[in-house]
Amino acid sequence: MDEAQTKAQLEAMRIEHRDLDDAIAALAAKPVPDQLQMARLKKRKLRLRDEIAAREDMLIPDIIA
């Protein structure tokens, strides 16, 4: 995978992460929020955060000291 593809995927994942934030906030604003759905969204958001961090690490070249 080249750098341009990785950056494009990173941007898409960041957008999805922000969308999950919005979805979680909207769900929490309901009078009786669906706790199961909220937990699933939060879990997906955490997984996505880890994927983003891993992809960002792929973009940073290894430096041999």
PDB file of N, CA and C in Angstrom:
ATOM      1  N   MET A   1       0.865  -1.178   0.000  1.00  0.00           N
ATOM      2  CA  MET A   1       0.000   0.000   0.000  1.00  0.00           C
ATOM      3  C   MET A   1       0.907   1.234   0.000  1.00  0.00           C
ATOM      4  N   ASP A   2       0.622   2.170  -0.878  1.00  0.00           N
ATOM      5  CA  ASP A   2       1.475   3.351  -0.936  1.00  0.00           C
ATOM      6  C   ASP A   2       0.976   4.435   0.022  1.00  0.00           C
ATOM      7  N   GLU A   3       1.793   5.462   0.157  1.00  0.00           N
ATOM      8  CA  GLU A   3       1.519   6.519   1.134  1.00  0.00           C
ATOM      9  C   GLU A   3       0.219   7.262   0.838  1.00  0.00           C
ATOM     10  N   ALA A   4      -0.060   7.503  -0.446  1.00  0.00           N
ATOM     11  CA  ALA A   4      -1.282   8.228  -0.813  1.00  0.00           C
ATOM     12  C   ALA A   4      -2.533   7.442  -0.413  1.00  0.00           C
ATOM     13  N   GLN A   5      -2.498   6.137  -0.627  1.00  0.00           N
ATOM     14  CA  GLN A   5      -3.641   5.292  -0.233  1.00  0.00           C
ATOM     15  C   GLN A   5      -3.809   5.298   1.281  1.00  0.00           C
ATOM     16  N   THR A   6      -2.696   5.207   1.987  1.00  0.00           N
ATOM     17  CA  THR A   6      -2.750   5.192   3.445  1.00  0.00           C
ATOM     18  C   THR A   6      -3.330   6.499   3.965  1.00  0.00           C
ATOM     19  N   LYS A   7      -2.894   7.623   3.383  1.00  0.00           N
ATOM     20  CA  LYS A   7      -3.418   8.923   3.822  1.00  0.00           C
ATOM     21  C   LYS A   7      -4.910   9.042   3.521  1.00  0.00           C
ATOM     22  N   ALA A   8      -5.340   8.538   2.374  1.00  0.00           N
ATOM     23  CA  ALA A   8      -6.763   8.587   2.021  1.00  0.00           C
ATOM     24  C   ALA A   8      -7.578   7.737   2.995  1.00  0.00           C
ATOM     25  N   GLN A   9      -7.071   6.555   3.337  1.00  0.00           N
ATOM     26  CA  GLN A   9      -7.763   5.702   4.294  1.00  0.00           C
ATOM     27  C   GLN A   9      -7.810   6.347   5.671  1.00  0.00           C
ATOM     28  N   LEU A  10      -6.712   6.992   6.049  1.00  0.00           N
ATOM     29  CA  LEU A  10      -6.676   7.689   7.332  1.00  0.00           C
ATOM     30  C   LEU A  10      -7.753   8.768   7.394  1.00  0.00           C
ATOM     31  N   GLU A  11      -7.871   9.536   6.342  1.00  0.00           N
ATOM     32  CA  GLU A  11      -8.871  10.609   6.314  1.00  0.00           C
ATOM     33  C   GLU A  11     -10.280  10.029   6.424  1.00  0.00           C
ATOM     34  N   ALA A  12     -10.543   8.935   5.712  1.00  0.00           N
ATOM     35  CA  ALA A  12     -11.856   8.296   5.776  1.00  0.00           C
ATOM     36  C   ALA A  12     -12.136   7.777   7.189  1.00  0.00           C
ATOM     37  N   MET A  13     -11.126   7.215   7.830  1.00  0.00           N
ATOM     38  CA  MET A  13     -11.305   6.706   9.186  1.00  0.00           C
ATOM     39  C   MET A  13     -11.531   7.844  10.172  1.00  0.00           C
ATOM     40  N   ARG A  14     -10.849   8.971   9.980  1.00  0.00           N
ATOM     41  CA  ARG A  14     -11.061  10.126  10.865  1.00  0.00           C
ATOM     42  C   ARG A  14     -12.483  10.663  10.722  1.00  0.00           C
ATOM     43  N   ILE A  15     -12.991  10.684   9.501  1.00  0.00           N
ATOM     44  CA  ILE A  15     -14.368  11.137   9.268  1.00  0.00           C
ATOM     45  C   ILE A  15     -15.346  10.188   9.959  1.00  0.00           C
ATOM     46  N   GLU A  16     -15.115   8.882   9.822  1.00  0.00           N
ATOM     47  CA  GLU A  16     -15.990   7.910  10.479  1.00  0.00           C
ATOM     48  C   GLU A  16     -15.928   8.072  11.997  1.00  0.00           C
ATOM     49  N   HIS A  17     -14.744   8.361  12.525  1.00  0.00           N
ATOM     50  CA  HIS A  17     -14.571   8.562  13.966  1.00  0.00           C
ATOM     51  C   HIS A  17     -15.408   9.747  14.441  1.00  0.00           C
ATOM     52  N   ARG A  18     -15.365  10.852  13.672  1.00  0.00           N
ATOM     53  CA  ARG A  18     -16.174  12.038  14.027  1.00  0.00           C
ATOM     54  C   ARG A  18     -17.668  11.726  13.919  1.00  0.00           C
ATOM     55  N   ASP A  19     -18.049  10.955  12.898  1.00  0.00           N
ATOM     56  CA  ASP A  19     -19.451  10.571  12.746  1.00  0.00           C
ATOM     57  C   ASP A  19     -19.920   9.726  13.931  1.00  0.00           C
ATOM     58  N   LEU A  20     -19.049   8.848  14.402  1.00  0.00           N
ATOM     59  CA  LEU A  20     -19.400   8.036  15.567  1.00  0.00           C
ATOM     60  C   LEU A  20     -19.585   8.919  16.799  1.00  0.00           C
ATOM     61  N   ASP A  21     -18.748   9.942  16.932  1.00  0.00           N
ATOM     62  CA  ASP A  21     -18.916  10.911  18.023  1.00  0.00           C
ATOM     63  C   ASP A  21     -20.309  11.528  17.983  1.00  0.00           C
ATOM     64  N   ASP A  22     -20.703  11.960  16.788  1.00  0.00           N
ATOM     65  CA  ASP A  22     -22.019  12.583  16.613  1.00  0.00           C
ATOM     66  C   ASP A  22     -23.144  11.598  16.923  1.00  0.00           C
ATOM     67  N   ALA A  23     -22.990  10.367  16.463  1.00  0.00           N
ATOM     68  CA  ALA A  23     -24.022   9.354  16.695  1.00  0.00           C
ATOM     69  C   ALA A  23     -24.151   9.045  18.188  1.00  0.00           C
ATOM     70  N   ILE A  24     -23.024   8.954  18.871  1.00  0.00           N
ATOM     71  CA  ILE A  24     -23.044   8.678  20.313  1.00  0.00           C
ATOM     72  C   ILE A  24     -23.700   9.841  21.060  1.00  0.00           C
ATOM     73  N   ALA A  25     -23.363  11.052  20.674  1.00  0.00           N
ATOM     74  CA  ALA A  25     -23.956  12.229  21.323  1.00  0.00           C
ATOM     75  C   ALA A  25     -25.467  12.274  21.087  1.00  0.00           C
ATOM     76  N   ALA A  26     -25.903  11.970  19.865  1.00  0.00           N
ATOM     77  CA  ALA A  26     -27.330  11.985  19.553  1.00  0.00           C
ATOM     78  C   ALA A  26     -28.059  10.908  20.352  1.00  0.00           C
ATOM     79  N   LEU A  27     -27.439   9.740  20.475  1.00  0.00           N
ATOM     80  CA  LEU A  27     -28.045   8.645  21.222  1.00  0.00           C
ATOM     81  C   LEU A  27     -28.125   8.993  22.712  1.00  0.00           C
ATOM     82  N   ALA A  28     -27.105   9.634  23.230  1.00  0.00           N
ATOM     83  CA  ALA A  28     -27.083  10.014  24.648  1.00  0.00           C
ATOM     84  C   ALA A  28     -28.108  11.098  24.956  1.00  0.00           C
ATOM     85  N   ALA A  29     -28.472  11.893  23.962  1.00  0.00           N
ATOM     86  CA  ALA A  29     -29.422  12.982  24.167  1.00  0.00           C
ATOM     87  C   ALA A  29     -30.867  12.490  24.257  1.00  0.00           C
ATOM     88  N   LYS A  30     -31.116  11.260  23.862  1.00  0.00           N
ATOM     89  CA  LYS A  30     -32.476  10.717  23.938  1.00  0.00           C
ATOM     90  C   LYS A  30     -32.882  10.543  25.402  1.00  0.00           C
ATOM     91  N   PRO A  31     -34.183  10.655  25.676  1.00  0.00           N
ATOM     92  CA  PRO A  31     -34.652  10.482  27.065  1.00  0.00           C
ATOM     93  C   PRO A  31     -34.277   9.117  27.646  1.00  0.00           C
ATOM     94  N   VAL A  32     -34.371   8.079  26.827  1.00  0.00           N
ATOM     95  CA  VAL A  32     -33.984   6.732  27.262  1.00  0.00           C
ATOM     96  C   VAL A  32     -33.026   6.174  26.213  1.00  0.00           C
ATOM     97  N   PRO A  33     -31.728   6.456  26.377  1.00  0.00           N
ATOM     98  CA  PRO A  33     -30.767   5.995  25.366  1.00  0.00           C
ATOM     99  C   PRO A  33     -30.628   4.473  25.354  1.00  0.00           C
ATOM    100  N   ASP A  34     -30.403   3.936  24.174  1.00  0.00           N
ATOM    101  CA  ASP A  34     -30.191   2.499  23.997  1.00  0.00           C
ATOM    102  C   ASP A  34     -28.757   2.190  24.429  1.00  0.00           C
ATOM    103  N   GLN A  35     -28.606   1.646  25.620  1.00  0.00           N
ATOM    104  CA  GLN A  35     -27.272   1.411  26.183  1.00  0.00           C
ATOM    105  C   GLN A  35     -26.464   0.406  25.362  1.00  0.00           C
ATOM    106  N   LEU A  36     -27.124  -0.603  24.830  1.00  0.00           N
ATOM    107  CA  LEU A  36     -26.422  -1.609  24.042  1.00  0.00           C
ATOM    108  C   LEU A  36     -25.868  -0.992  22.760  1.00  0.00           C
ATOM    109  N   GLN A  37     -26.696  -0.223  22.080  1.00  0.00           N
ATOM    110  CA  GLN A  37     -26.254   0.439  20.851  1.00  0.00           C
ATOM    111  C   GLN A  37     -25.122   1.425  21.157  1.00  0.00           C
ATOM    112  N   MET A  38     -25.241   2.146  22.257  1.00  0.00           N
ATOM    113  CA  MET A  38     -24.202   3.112  22.629  1.00  0.00           C
ATOM    114  C   MET A  38     -22.882   2.385  22.910  1.00  0.00           C
ATOM    115  N   ALA A  39     -22.946   1.265  23.596  1.00  0.00           N
ATOM    116  CA  ALA A  39     -21.739   0.493  23.883  1.00  0.00           C
ATOM    117  C   ALA A  39     -21.091  -0.005  22.597  1.00  0.00           C
ATOM    118  N   ARG A  40     -21.917  -0.439  21.646  1.00  0.00           N
ATOM    119  CA  ARG A  40     -21.375  -0.910  20.359  1.00  0.00           C
ATOM    120  C   ARG A  40     -20.688   0.222  19.605  1.00  0.00           C
ATOM    121  N   LEU A  41     -21.314   1.390  19.611  1.00  0.00           N
ATOM    122  CA  LEU A  41     -20.727   2.532  18.918  1.00  0.00           C
ATOM    123  C   LEU A  41     -19.402   2.954  19.576  1.00  0.00           C
ATOM    124  N   LYS A  42     -19.378   2.952  20.893  1.00  0.00           N
ATOM    125  CA  LYS A  42     -18.153   3.330  21.603  1.00  0.00           C
ATOM    126  C   LYS A  42     -17.037   2.324  21.342  1.00  0.00           C
ATOM    127  N   LYS A  43     -17.398   1.043  21.299  1.00  0.00           N
ATOM    128  CA  LYS A  43     -16.410   0.004  21.028  1.00  0.00           C
ATOM    129  C   LYS A  43     -15.856   0.159  19.613  1.00  0.00           C
ATOM    130  N   ARG A  44     -16.733   0.430  18.655  1.00  0.00           N
ATOM    131  CA  ARG A  44     -16.291   0.650  17.273  1.00  0.00           C
ATOM    132  C   ARG A  44     -15.375   1.871  17.194  1.00  0.00           C
ATOM    133  N   LYS A  45     -15.715   2.915  17.944  1.00  0.00           N
ATOM    134  CA  LYS A  45     -14.913   4.141  17.950  1.00  0.00           C
ATOM    135  C   LYS A  45     -13.518   3.863  18.499  1.00  0.00           C
ATOM    136  N   LEU A  46     -13.425   3.075  19.561  1.00  0.00           N
ATOM    137  CA  LEU A  46     -12.118   2.729  20.131  1.00  0.00           C
ATOM    138  C   LEU A  46     -11.289   1.892  19.156  1.00  0.00           C
ATOM    139  N   ARG A  47     -11.937   0.920  18.489  1.00  0.00           N
ATOM    140  CA  ARG A  47     -11.244   0.094  17.499  1.00  0.00           C
ATOM    141  C   ARG A  47     -10.706   0.964  16.369  1.00  0.00           C
ATOM    142  N   LEU A  48     -11.535   1.914  15.948  1.00  0.00           N
ATOM    143  CA  LEU A  48     -11.159   2.819  14.869  1.00  0.00           C
ATOM    144  C   LEU A  48      -9.981   3.687  15.291  1.00  0.00           C
ATOM    145  N   ARG A  49     -10.000   4.163  16.537  1.00  0.00           N
ATOM    146  CA  ARG A  49      -8.885   4.970  17.045  1.00  0.00           C
ATOM    147  C   ARG A  49      -7.584   4.184  16.990  1.00  0.00           C
ATOM    148  N   ASP A  50      -7.645   2.909  17.365  1.00  0.00           N
ATOM    149  CA  ASP A  50      -6.453   2.063  17.332  1.00  0.00           C
ATOM    150  C   ASP A  50      -5.972   1.849  15.896  1.00  0.00           C
ATOM    151  N   GLU A  51      -6.913   1.653  14.971  1.00  0.00           N
ATOM    152  CA  GLU A  51      -6.555   1.495  13.558  1.00  0.00           C
ATOM    153  C   GLU A  51      -5.900   2.764  13.022  1.00  0.00           C
ATOM    154  N   ILE A  52      -6.438   3.915  13.397  1.00  0.00           N
ATOM    155  CA  ILE A  52      -5.874   5.197  12.959  1.00  0.00           C
ATOM    156  C   ILE A  52      -4.446   5.325  13.465  1.00  0.00           C
ATOM    157  N   ALA A  53      -4.224   5.003  14.727  1.00  0.00           N
ATOM    158  CA  ALA A  53      -2.875   5.093  15.297  1.00  0.00           C
ATOM    159  C   ALA A  53      -1.913   4.158  14.573  1.00  0.00           C
ATOM    160  N   ALA A  54      -2.372   2.955  14.255  1.00  0.00           N
ATOM    161  CA  ALA A  54      -1.509   1.992  13.555  1.00  0.00           C
ATOM    162  C   ALA A  54      -1.159   2.493  12.153  1.00  0.00           C
ATOM    163  N   ARG A  55      -2.145   3.047  11.452  1.00  0.00           N
ATOM    164  CA  ARG A  55      -1.879   3.572  10.097  1.00  0.00           C
ATOM    165  C   ARG A  55      -0.947   4.779  10.145  1.00  0.00           C
ATOM    166  N   GLU A  56      -1.123   5.631  11.162  1.00  0.00           N
ATOM    167  CA  GLU A  56      -0.231   6.786  11.294  1.00  0.00           C
ATOM    168  C   GLU A  56       1.200   6.324  11.539  1.00  0.00           C
ATOM    169  N   ASP A  57       1.356   5.265  12.316  1.00  0.00           N
ATOM    170  CA  ASP A  57       2.690   4.708  12.569  1.00  0.00           C
ATOM    171  C   ASP A  57       3.327   4.185  11.286  1.00  0.00           C
ATOM    172  N   MET A  58       2.507   3.666  10.372  1.00  0.00           N
ATOM    173  CA  MET A  58       3.023   3.170   9.092  1.00  0.00           C
ATOM    174  C   MET A  58       3.605   4.313   8.254  1.00  0.00           C
ATOM    175  N   LEU A  59       3.094   5.523   8.435  1.00  0.00           N
ATOM    176  CA  LEU A  59       3.563   6.664   7.650  1.00  0.00           C
ATOM    177  C   LEU A  59       4.870   7.232   8.177  1.00  0.00           C
ATOM    178  N   ILE A  60       5.180   6.957   9.433  1.00  0.00           N
ATOM    179  CA  ILE A  60       6.401   7.498  10.036  1.00  0.00           C
ATOM    180  C   ILE A  60       7.551   6.527   9.733  1.00  0.00           C
ATOM    181  N   PRO A  61       8.587   7.005   9.065  1.00  0.00           N
ATOM    182  CA  PRO A  61       9.694   6.099   8.737  1.00  0.00           C
ATOM    183  C   PRO A  61      10.457   5.681   9.983  1.00  0.00           C
ATOM    184  N   ASP A  62      10.936   4.450   9.942  1.00  0.00           N
ATOM    185  CA  ASP A  62      11.749   3.950  11.054  1.00  0.00           C
ATOM    186  C   ASP A  62      13.105   4.643  11.022  1.00  0.00           C
ATOM    187  N   ILE A  63      13.531   5.094  12.178  1.00  0.00           N
ATOM    188  CA  ILE A  63      14.828   5.764  12.282  1.00  0.00           C
ATOM    189  C   ILE A  63      15.761   4.844  13.067  1.00  0.00           C
ATOM    190  N   ILE A  64      16.838   4.474  12.425  1.00  0.00           N
ATOM    191  CA  ILE A  64      17.817   3.611  13.078  1.00  0.00           C
ATOM    192  C   ILE A  64      18.850   4.516  13.746  1.00  0.00           C
ATOM    193  N   ALA A  65      18.929   4.429  15.066  1.00  0.00           N
ATOM    194  CA  ALA A  65      19.843   5.312  15.801  1.00  0.00           C
ATOM    195  C   ALA A  65      21.254   4.783  15.775  1.00  0.00           C
TER     196      ALA A  65
END
